[in-house]
Amino acid sequence: MDFSFSFKKPPSGSQAKKANPFEQAEEQFNAIRGCGVTPRPAVTFAQLTEGQDPAAFEGAPYAHMLCVMAGTGSDGEPFSDDVLLVNPQCISESGSYSALITSVMRLAKGALPFEDLADSYDGDNNVASITFTLDSEGQQWDVAVEDNGVAPEVWSNLATIAASRADSGERLAWCEVDGQRLMVFLSESDLSDLAQTTGMEWAAIE
């Protein structure tokens, strides 16, 4: 009785690709990490791609990966503290500004040390008021709300304060993606690398 076996090397190409359907996504993920945008230490690549369509990473190279990294896990915890996805028309009620600014504070890693952050929204008059304490001094920003949009001066104020307190010249920057904004807080060198690597148009917030 012949118990010999014949082992054949699987062909390259389609079968090899099926073995790792997220090959392109992983390449993008590794490239992004070289530009200062990383996941939290406990977050794995497998977690980021769980339930994702591999074609989405191929159809929107880098942009989809960054959007995924800007998301949260099943426990509600962010995948990364280095990238944020913002809906610029997110001001709809009291608390909207506080939620937004809290997320930007996390992104800025100590460069926006606001305390006692609160806000109110007057929908009848389309105005909002943001209050907080900075360096033991109370601050108040009163801004107009148009089409539920974040007031330009809020972005500008946050960017100015963060840049003035950054450890290594980091600045808030963003990139438009399908009507939303990906935000990062990176040095000029890392931001340049990110733009070159992803082919996306990133701009520092002025």
C-alpha atoms as a PDB file:
ATOM      1  CA  MET A   1       0.000   0.000   0.000  1.00  0.00           C
ATOM      2  CA  ASP A   2       1.410   3.359  -1.009  1.00  0.00           C
ATOM      3  CA  PHE A   3       1.227   6.010   1.701  1.00  0.00           C
ATOM      4  CA  SER A   4       3.333   8.564  -0.126  1.00  0.00           C
ATOM      5  CA  PHE A   5       2.005  12.090  -0.490  1.00  0.00           C
ATOM      6  CA  SER A   6       2.585  14.728  -3.088  1.00  0.00           C
ATOM      7  CA  PHE A   7       2.894  18.307  -1.855  1.00  0.00           C
ATOM      8  CA  LYS A   8       2.506  21.055  -4.420  1.00  0.00           C
ATOM      9  CA  LYS A   9       3.392  24.675  -3.887  1.00  0.00           C
ATOM     10  CA  PRO A  10       0.252  26.811  -4.228  1.00  0.00           C
ATOM     11  CA  PRO A  11       0.327  29.012  -7.295  1.00  0.00           C
ATOM     12  CA  SER A  12       1.052  32.664  -6.869  1.00  0.00           C
ATOM     13  CA  GLY A  13      -1.408  35.309  -7.924  1.00  0.00           C
ATOM     14  CA  SER A  14      -5.102  35.000  -7.162  1.00  0.00           C
ATOM     15  CA  GLN A  15      -4.829  32.229  -4.556  1.00  0.00           C
ATOM     16  CA  ALA A  16      -2.016  33.992  -2.743  1.00  0.00           C
ATOM     17  CA  LYS A  17      -4.052  37.169  -2.705  1.00  0.00           C
ATOM     18  CA  LYS A  18      -7.070  35.370  -1.269  1.00  0.00           C
ATOM     19  CA  ALA A  19      -4.899  34.170   1.595  1.00  0.00           C
ATOM     20  CA  ASN A  20      -4.399  37.790   2.624  1.00  0.00           C
ATOM     21  CA  PRO A  21      -7.278  39.901   1.278  1.00  0.00           C
ATOM     22  CA  PHE A  22      -6.071  42.867   3.349  1.00  0.00           C
ATOM     23  CA  GLU A  23      -2.577  42.966   1.881  1.00  0.00           C
ATOM     24  CA  GLN A  24      -3.012  46.469   0.454  1.00  0.00           C
ATOM     25  CA  ALA A  25      -4.670  47.661   3.644  1.00  0.00           C
ATOM     26  CA  GLU A  26      -1.729  46.381   5.680  1.00  0.00           C
ATOM     27  CA  GLU A  27       0.745  48.125   3.403  1.00  0.00           C
ATOM     28  CA  GLN A  28      -1.177  51.372   3.835  1.00  0.00           C
ATOM     29  CA  PHE A  29      -1.376  50.863   7.590  1.00  0.00           C
ATOM     30  CA  ASN A  30       2.381  50.357   7.885  1.00  0.00           C
ATOM     31  CA  ALA A  31       3.118  53.372   5.699  1.00  0.00           C
ATOM     32  CA  ILE A  32       0.819  55.617   7.751  1.00  0.00           C
ATOM     33  CA  ARG A  33       2.501  54.534  10.981  1.00  0.00           C
ATOM     34  CA  GLY A  34       5.763  55.853   9.577  1.00  0.00           C
ATOM     35  CA  CYS A  35       4.231  59.323   9.393  1.00  0.00           C
ATOM     36  CA  GLY A  36       3.349  59.741  13.054  1.00  0.00           C
ATOM     37  CA  VAL A  37      -0.195  58.322  12.941  1.00  0.00           C
ATOM     38  CA  THR A  38      -0.388  55.146  14.998  1.00  0.00           C
ATOM     39  CA  PRO A  39      -3.072  53.100  16.750  1.00  0.00           C
ATOM     40  CA  ARG A  40      -3.246  52.803  20.511  1.00  0.00           C
ATOM     41  CA  PRO A  41      -0.796  50.172  21.817  1.00  0.00           C
ATOM     42  CA  ALA A  42      -3.463  47.526  22.437  1.00  0.00           C
ATOM     43  CA  VAL A  43      -5.122  47.943  19.015  1.00  0.00           C
ATOM     44  CA  THR A  44      -4.139  45.427  16.356  1.00  0.00           C
ATOM     45  CA  PHE A  45      -4.391  45.513  12.579  1.00  0.00           C
ATOM     46  CA  ALA A  46      -6.884  42.635  12.806  1.00  0.00           C
ATOM     47  CA  GLN A  47      -9.163  44.778  14.966  1.00  0.00           C
ATOM     48  CA  LEU A  48      -9.035  47.625  12.482  1.00  0.00           C
ATOM     49  CA  THR A  49      -9.972  45.433   9.535  1.00  0.00           C
ATOM     50  CA  GLU A  50     -12.581  43.281  11.292  1.00  0.00           C
ATOM     51  CA  GLY A  51     -15.854  43.523   9.341  1.00  0.00           C
ATOM     52  CA  GLN A  52     -14.261  45.745   6.702  1.00  0.00           C
ATOM     53  CA  ASP A  53     -14.465  45.205   2.942  1.00  0.00           C
ATOM     54  CA  PRO A  54     -10.936  44.816   1.513  1.00  0.00           C
ATOM     55  CA  ALA A  55     -12.093  46.631  -1.637  1.00  0.00           C
ATOM     56  CA  ALA A  56     -12.756  49.782   0.396  1.00  0.00           C
ATOM     57  CA  PHE A  57      -9.052  50.140   1.167  1.00  0.00           C
ATOM     58  CA  GLU A  58      -8.243  49.673  -2.507  1.00  0.00           C
ATOM     59  CA  GLY A  59     -10.935  52.064  -3.735  1.00  0.00           C
ATOM     60  CA  ALA A  60      -9.896  54.882  -1.381  1.00  0.00           C
ATOM     61  CA  PRO A  61      -6.208  54.269  -0.675  1.00  0.00           C
ATOM     62  CA  TYR A  62      -5.059  55.604   2.696  1.00  0.00           C
ATOM     63  CA  ALA A  63      -8.189  57.705   3.179  1.00  0.00           C
ATOM     64  CA  HIS A  64     -10.301  54.719   4.192  1.00  0.00           C
ATOM     65  CA  MET A  65      -7.590  53.372   6.477  1.00  0.00           C
ATOM     66  CA  LEU A  66      -7.284  56.748   8.211  1.00  0.00           C
ATOM     67  CA  CYS A  67     -11.072  56.925   8.620  1.00  0.00           C
ATOM     68  CA  VAL A  68     -11.051  53.460  10.161  1.00  0.00           C
ATOM     69  CA  MET A  69      -8.205  54.413  12.510  1.00  0.00           C
ATOM     70  CA  ALA A  70     -10.201  57.504  13.517  1.00  0.00           C
ATOM     71  CA  GLY A  71     -13.071  55.269  14.616  1.00  0.00           C
ATOM     72  CA  THR A  72     -13.795  53.402  17.841  1.00  0.00           C
ATOM     73  CA  GLY A  73     -13.947  49.778  18.899  1.00  0.00           C
ATOM     74  CA  SER A  74     -16.940  47.877  20.233  1.00  0.00           C
ATOM     75  CA  ASP A  75     -16.100  49.225  23.693  1.00  0.00           C
ATOM     76  CA  GLY A  76     -16.388  52.796  22.442  1.00  0.00           C
ATOM     77  CA  GLU A  77     -12.681  53.472  22.912  1.00  0.00           C
ATOM     78  CA  PRO A  78     -10.813  55.240  20.072  1.00  0.00           C
ATOM     79  CA  PHE A  79      -8.530  53.114  17.915  1.00  0.00           C
ATOM     80  CA  SER A  80      -6.001  55.957  17.712  1.00  0.00           C
ATOM     81  CA  ASP A  81      -5.188  59.211  19.473  1.00  0.00           C
ATOM     82  CA  ASP A  82      -3.409  60.540  16.376  1.00  0.00           C
ATOM     83  CA  VAL A  83      -6.296  61.016  13.938  1.00  0.00           C
ATOM     84  CA  LEU A  84      -9.838  62.316  14.264  1.00  0.00           C
ATOM     85  CA  LEU A  85     -12.791  62.279  11.850  1.00  0.00           C
ATOM     86  CA  VAL A  86     -15.030  65.312  12.221  1.00  0.00           C
ATOM     87  CA  ASN A  87     -18.378  66.221  10.724  1.00  0.00           C
ATOM     88  CA  PRO A  88     -18.050  70.006  10.183  1.00  0.00           C
ATOM     89  CA  GLN A  89     -21.842  70.355  10.512  1.00  0.00           C
ATOM     90  CA  CYS A  90     -22.068  68.808  13.969  1.00  0.00           C
ATOM     91  CA  ILE A  91     -23.400  71.686  16.079  1.00  0.00           C
ATOM     92  CA  SER A  92     -27.023  70.833  16.761  1.00  0.00           C
ATOM     93  CA  GLU A  93     -27.547  71.255  20.499  1.00  0.00           C
ATOM     94  CA  SER A  94     -25.945  72.243  23.772  1.00  0.00           C
ATOM     95  CA  GLY A  95     -23.000  69.949  24.377  1.00  0.00           C
ATOM     96  CA  SER A  96     -22.065  69.646  20.706  1.00  0.00           C
ATOM     97  CA  TYR A  97     -19.117  72.010  20.996  1.00  0.00           C
ATOM     98  CA  SER A  98     -17.921  70.399  24.216  1.00  0.00           C
ATOM     99  CA  ALA A  99     -17.917  66.963  22.607  1.00  0.00           C
ATOM    100  CA  LEU A 100     -16.017  68.250  19.579  1.00  0.00           C
ATOM    101  CA  ILE A 101     -13.425  70.211  21.558  1.00  0.00           C
ATOM    102  CA  THR A 102     -12.874  67.308  23.959  1.00  0.00           C
ATOM    103  CA  SER A 103     -11.974  65.116  20.972  1.00  0.00           C
ATOM    104  CA  VAL A 104      -9.605  67.769  19.611  1.00  0.00           C
ATOM    105  CA  MET A 105      -8.029  68.056  23.069  1.00  0.00           C
ATOM    106  CA  ARG A 106      -7.297  64.320  22.987  1.00  0.00           C
ATOM    107  CA  LEU A 107      -5.727  64.718  19.562  1.00  0.00           C
ATOM    108  CA  ALA A 108      -3.584  67.646  20.783  1.00  0.00           C
ATOM    109  CA  LYS A 109      -2.104  65.596  23.636  1.00  0.00           C
ATOM    110  CA  GLY A 110      -1.841  68.271  26.290  1.00  0.00           C
ATOM    111  CA  ALA A 111      -1.480  71.284  23.988  1.00  0.00           C
ATOM    112  CA  LEU A 112      -5.103  72.250  24.703  1.00  0.00           C
ATOM    113  CA  PRO A 113      -5.272  72.033  28.521  1.00  0.00           C
ATOM    114  CA  PHE A 114      -8.822  73.306  28.892  1.00  0.00           C
ATOM    115  CA  GLU A 115     -10.638  72.804  32.184  1.00  0.00           C
ATOM    116  CA  ASP A 116     -14.311  73.190  33.083  1.00  0.00           C
ATOM    117  CA  LEU A 117     -15.302  73.024  29.419  1.00  0.00           C
ATOM    118  CA  ALA A 118     -18.987  73.688  28.740  1.00  0.00           C
ATOM    119  CA  ASP A 119     -21.185  75.152  26.026  1.00  0.00           C
ATOM    120  CA  SER A 120     -24.724  76.253  25.324  1.00  0.00           C
ATOM    121  CA  TYR A 121     -26.610  76.502  22.056  1.00  0.00           C
ATOM    122  CA  ASP A 122     -29.459  78.877  21.303  1.00  0.00           C
ATOM    123  CA  GLY A 123     -31.151  77.403  18.245  1.00  0.00           C
ATOM    124  CA  ASP A 124     -33.687  80.215  17.992  1.00  0.00           C
ATOM    125  CA  ASN A 125     -30.971  82.813  17.504  1.00  0.00           C
ATOM    126  CA  ASN A 126     -28.352  80.488  15.983  1.00  0.00           C
ATOM    127  CA  VAL A 127     -25.621  81.325  18.492  1.00  0.00           C
ATOM    128  CA  ALA A 128     -23.467  79.237  20.781  1.00  0.00           C
ATOM    129  CA  SER A 129     -21.359  80.077  23.799  1.00  0.00           C
ATOM    130  CA  ILE A 130     -18.268  78.071  24.772  1.00  0.00           C
ATOM    131  CA  THR A 131     -16.695  78.487  28.201  1.00  0.00           C
ATOM    132  CA  PHE A 132     -13.580  76.966  29.750  1.00  0.00           C
ATOM    133  CA  THR A 133     -10.652  77.721  32.012  1.00  0.00           C
ATOM    134  CA  LEU A 134      -7.127  78.046  30.619  1.00  0.00           C
ATOM    135  CA  ASP A 135      -4.168  78.821  32.883  1.00  0.00           C
ATOM    136  CA  SER A 136      -6.617  79.529  35.704  1.00  0.00           C
ATOM    137  CA  GLU A 137      -8.362  82.198  33.640  1.00  0.00           C
ATOM    138  CA  GLY A 138     -11.955  81.920  32.502  1.00  0.00           C
ATOM    139  CA  GLN A 139     -12.558  82.141  28.763  1.00  0.00           C
ATOM    140  CA  GLN A 140     -15.740  82.579  26.747  1.00  0.00           C
ATOM    141  CA  TRP A 141     -16.226  82.328  22.998  1.00  0.00           C
ATOM    142  CA  ASP A 142     -19.572  83.498  21.620  1.00  0.00           C
ATOM    143  CA  VAL A 143     -20.019  82.371  18.034  1.00  0.00           C
ATOM    144  CA  ALA A 144     -22.670  82.258  15.339  1.00  0.00           C
ATOM    145  CA  VAL A 145     -23.973  78.886  14.183  1.00  0.00           C
ATOM    146  CA  GLU A 146     -24.766  78.629  10.472  1.00  0.00           C
ATOM    147  CA  ASP A 147     -26.157  75.399   9.007  1.00  0.00           C
ATOM    148  CA  ASN A 148     -25.003  73.535  12.128  1.00  0.00           C
ATOM    149  CA  GLY A 149     -21.412  74.306  11.142  1.00  0.00           C
ATOM    150  CA  VAL A 150     -18.443  74.774  13.452  1.00  0.00           C
ATOM    151  CA  ALA A 151     -17.560  78.470  13.438  1.00  0.00           C
ATOM    152  CA  PRO A 152     -14.284  79.191  11.590  1.00  0.00           C
ATOM    153  CA  GLU A 153     -12.972  81.189  14.554  1.00  0.00           C
ATOM    154  CA  VAL A 154     -13.315  78.156  16.805  1.00  0.00           C
ATOM    155  CA  TRP A 155     -11.043  76.128  14.527  1.00  0.00           C
ATOM    156  CA  SER A 156      -8.633  79.054  14.285  1.00  0.00           C
ATOM    157  CA  ASN A 157      -8.556  79.636  18.038  1.00  0.00           C
ATOM    158  CA  LEU A 158      -7.973  75.966  18.803  1.00  0.00           C
ATOM    159  CA  ALA A 159      -5.187  75.773  16.223  1.00  0.00           C
ATOM    160  CA  THR A 160      -3.464  78.902  17.543  1.00  0.00           C
ATOM    161  CA  ILE A 161      -3.535  77.772  21.164  1.00  0.00           C
ATOM    162  CA  ALA A 162      -2.361  74.245  20.314  1.00  0.00           C
ATOM    163  CA  ALA A 163       0.509  75.511  18.131  1.00  0.00           C
ATOM    164  CA  SER A 164       1.695  77.888  20.863  1.00  0.00           C
ATOM    165  CA  ARG A 165       1.925  75.013  23.371  1.00  0.00           C
ATOM    166  CA  ALA A 166       3.194  72.204  21.143  1.00  0.00           C
ATOM    167  CA  ASP A 167       6.359  70.424  22.266  1.00  0.00           C
ATOM    168  CA  SER A 168       7.923  69.937  18.822  1.00  0.00           C
ATOM    169  CA  GLY A 169       6.215  72.345  16.471  1.00  0.00           C
ATOM    170  CA  GLU A 170       3.088  70.241  15.989  1.00  0.00           C
ATOM    171  CA  ARG A 171       0.079  71.871  14.394  1.00  0.00           C
ATOM    172  CA  LEU A 172      -3.540  70.955  13.842  1.00  0.00           C
ATOM    173  CA  ALA A 173      -4.157  70.050  10.209  1.00  0.00           C
ATOM    174  CA  TRP A 174      -6.965  68.521   8.218  1.00  0.00           C
ATOM    175  CA  CYS A 175      -7.954  66.918   4.959  1.00  0.00           C
ATOM    176  CA  GLU A 176     -11.403  66.833   3.355  1.00  0.00           C
ATOM    177  CA  VAL A 177     -12.823  63.321   2.852  1.00  0.00           C
ATOM    178  CA  ASP A 178     -16.362  62.894   1.507  1.00  0.00           C
ATOM    179  CA  GLY A 179     -17.716  65.996   3.213  1.00  0.00           C
ATOM    180  CA  GLN A 180     -15.976  65.253   6.498  1.00  0.00           C
ATOM    181  CA  ARG A 181     -12.566  66.233   7.834  1.00  0.00           C
ATOM    182  CA  LEU A 182      -9.741  64.020   8.954  1.00  0.00           C
ATOM    183  CA  MET A 183      -7.707  65.878  11.565  1.00  0.00           C
ATOM    184  CA  VAL A 184      -4.173  65.283  12.853  1.00  0.00           C
ATOM    185  CA  PHE A 185      -1.745  67.073  15.179  1.00  0.00           C
ATOM    186  CA  LEU A 186       1.682  66.611  13.646  1.00  0.00           C
ATOM    187  CA  SER A 187       5.018  68.315  13.176  1.00  0.00           C
ATOM    188  CA  GLU A 188       5.734  69.922   9.824  1.00  0.00           C
ATOM    189  CA  SER A 189       8.014  67.012   8.916  1.00  0.00           C
ATOM    190  CA  ASP A 190       5.455  64.320   9.770  1.00  0.00           C
ATOM    191  CA  LEU A 191       2.673  66.223   8.021  1.00  0.00           C
ATOM    192  CA  SER A 192       4.806  66.520   4.893  1.00  0.00           C
ATOM    193  CA  ASP A 193       5.547  62.786   5.034  1.00  0.00           C
ATOM    194  CA  LEU A 194       1.848  62.016   5.496  1.00  0.00           C
ATOM    195  CA  ALA A 195       0.880  64.143   2.490  1.00  0.00           C
ATOM    196  CA  GLN A 196       3.564  62.563   0.321  1.00  0.00           C
ATOM    197  CA  THR A 197       2.771  59.020   1.446  1.00  0.00           C
ATOM    198  CA  THR A 198      -1.008  59.237   1.124  1.00  0.00           C
ATOM    199  CA  GLY A 199      -1.235  61.584  -1.853  1.00  0.00           C
ATOM    200  CA  MET A 200      -3.896  63.467   0.102  1.00  0.00           C
ATOM    201  CA  GLU A 201      -4.128  67.257   0.430  1.00  0.00           C
ATOM    202  CA  TRP A 202      -3.419  68.176   4.040  1.00  0.00           C
ATOM    203  CA  ALA A 203      -3.455  71.765   5.243  1.00  0.00           C
ATOM    204  CA  ALA A 204      -2.517  73.289   8.581  1.00  0.00           C
ATOM    205  CA  ILE A 205      -5.433  75.088  10.223  1.00  0.00           C
ATOM    206  CA  GLU A 206      -4.790  78.830  10.347  1.00  0.00           C
END
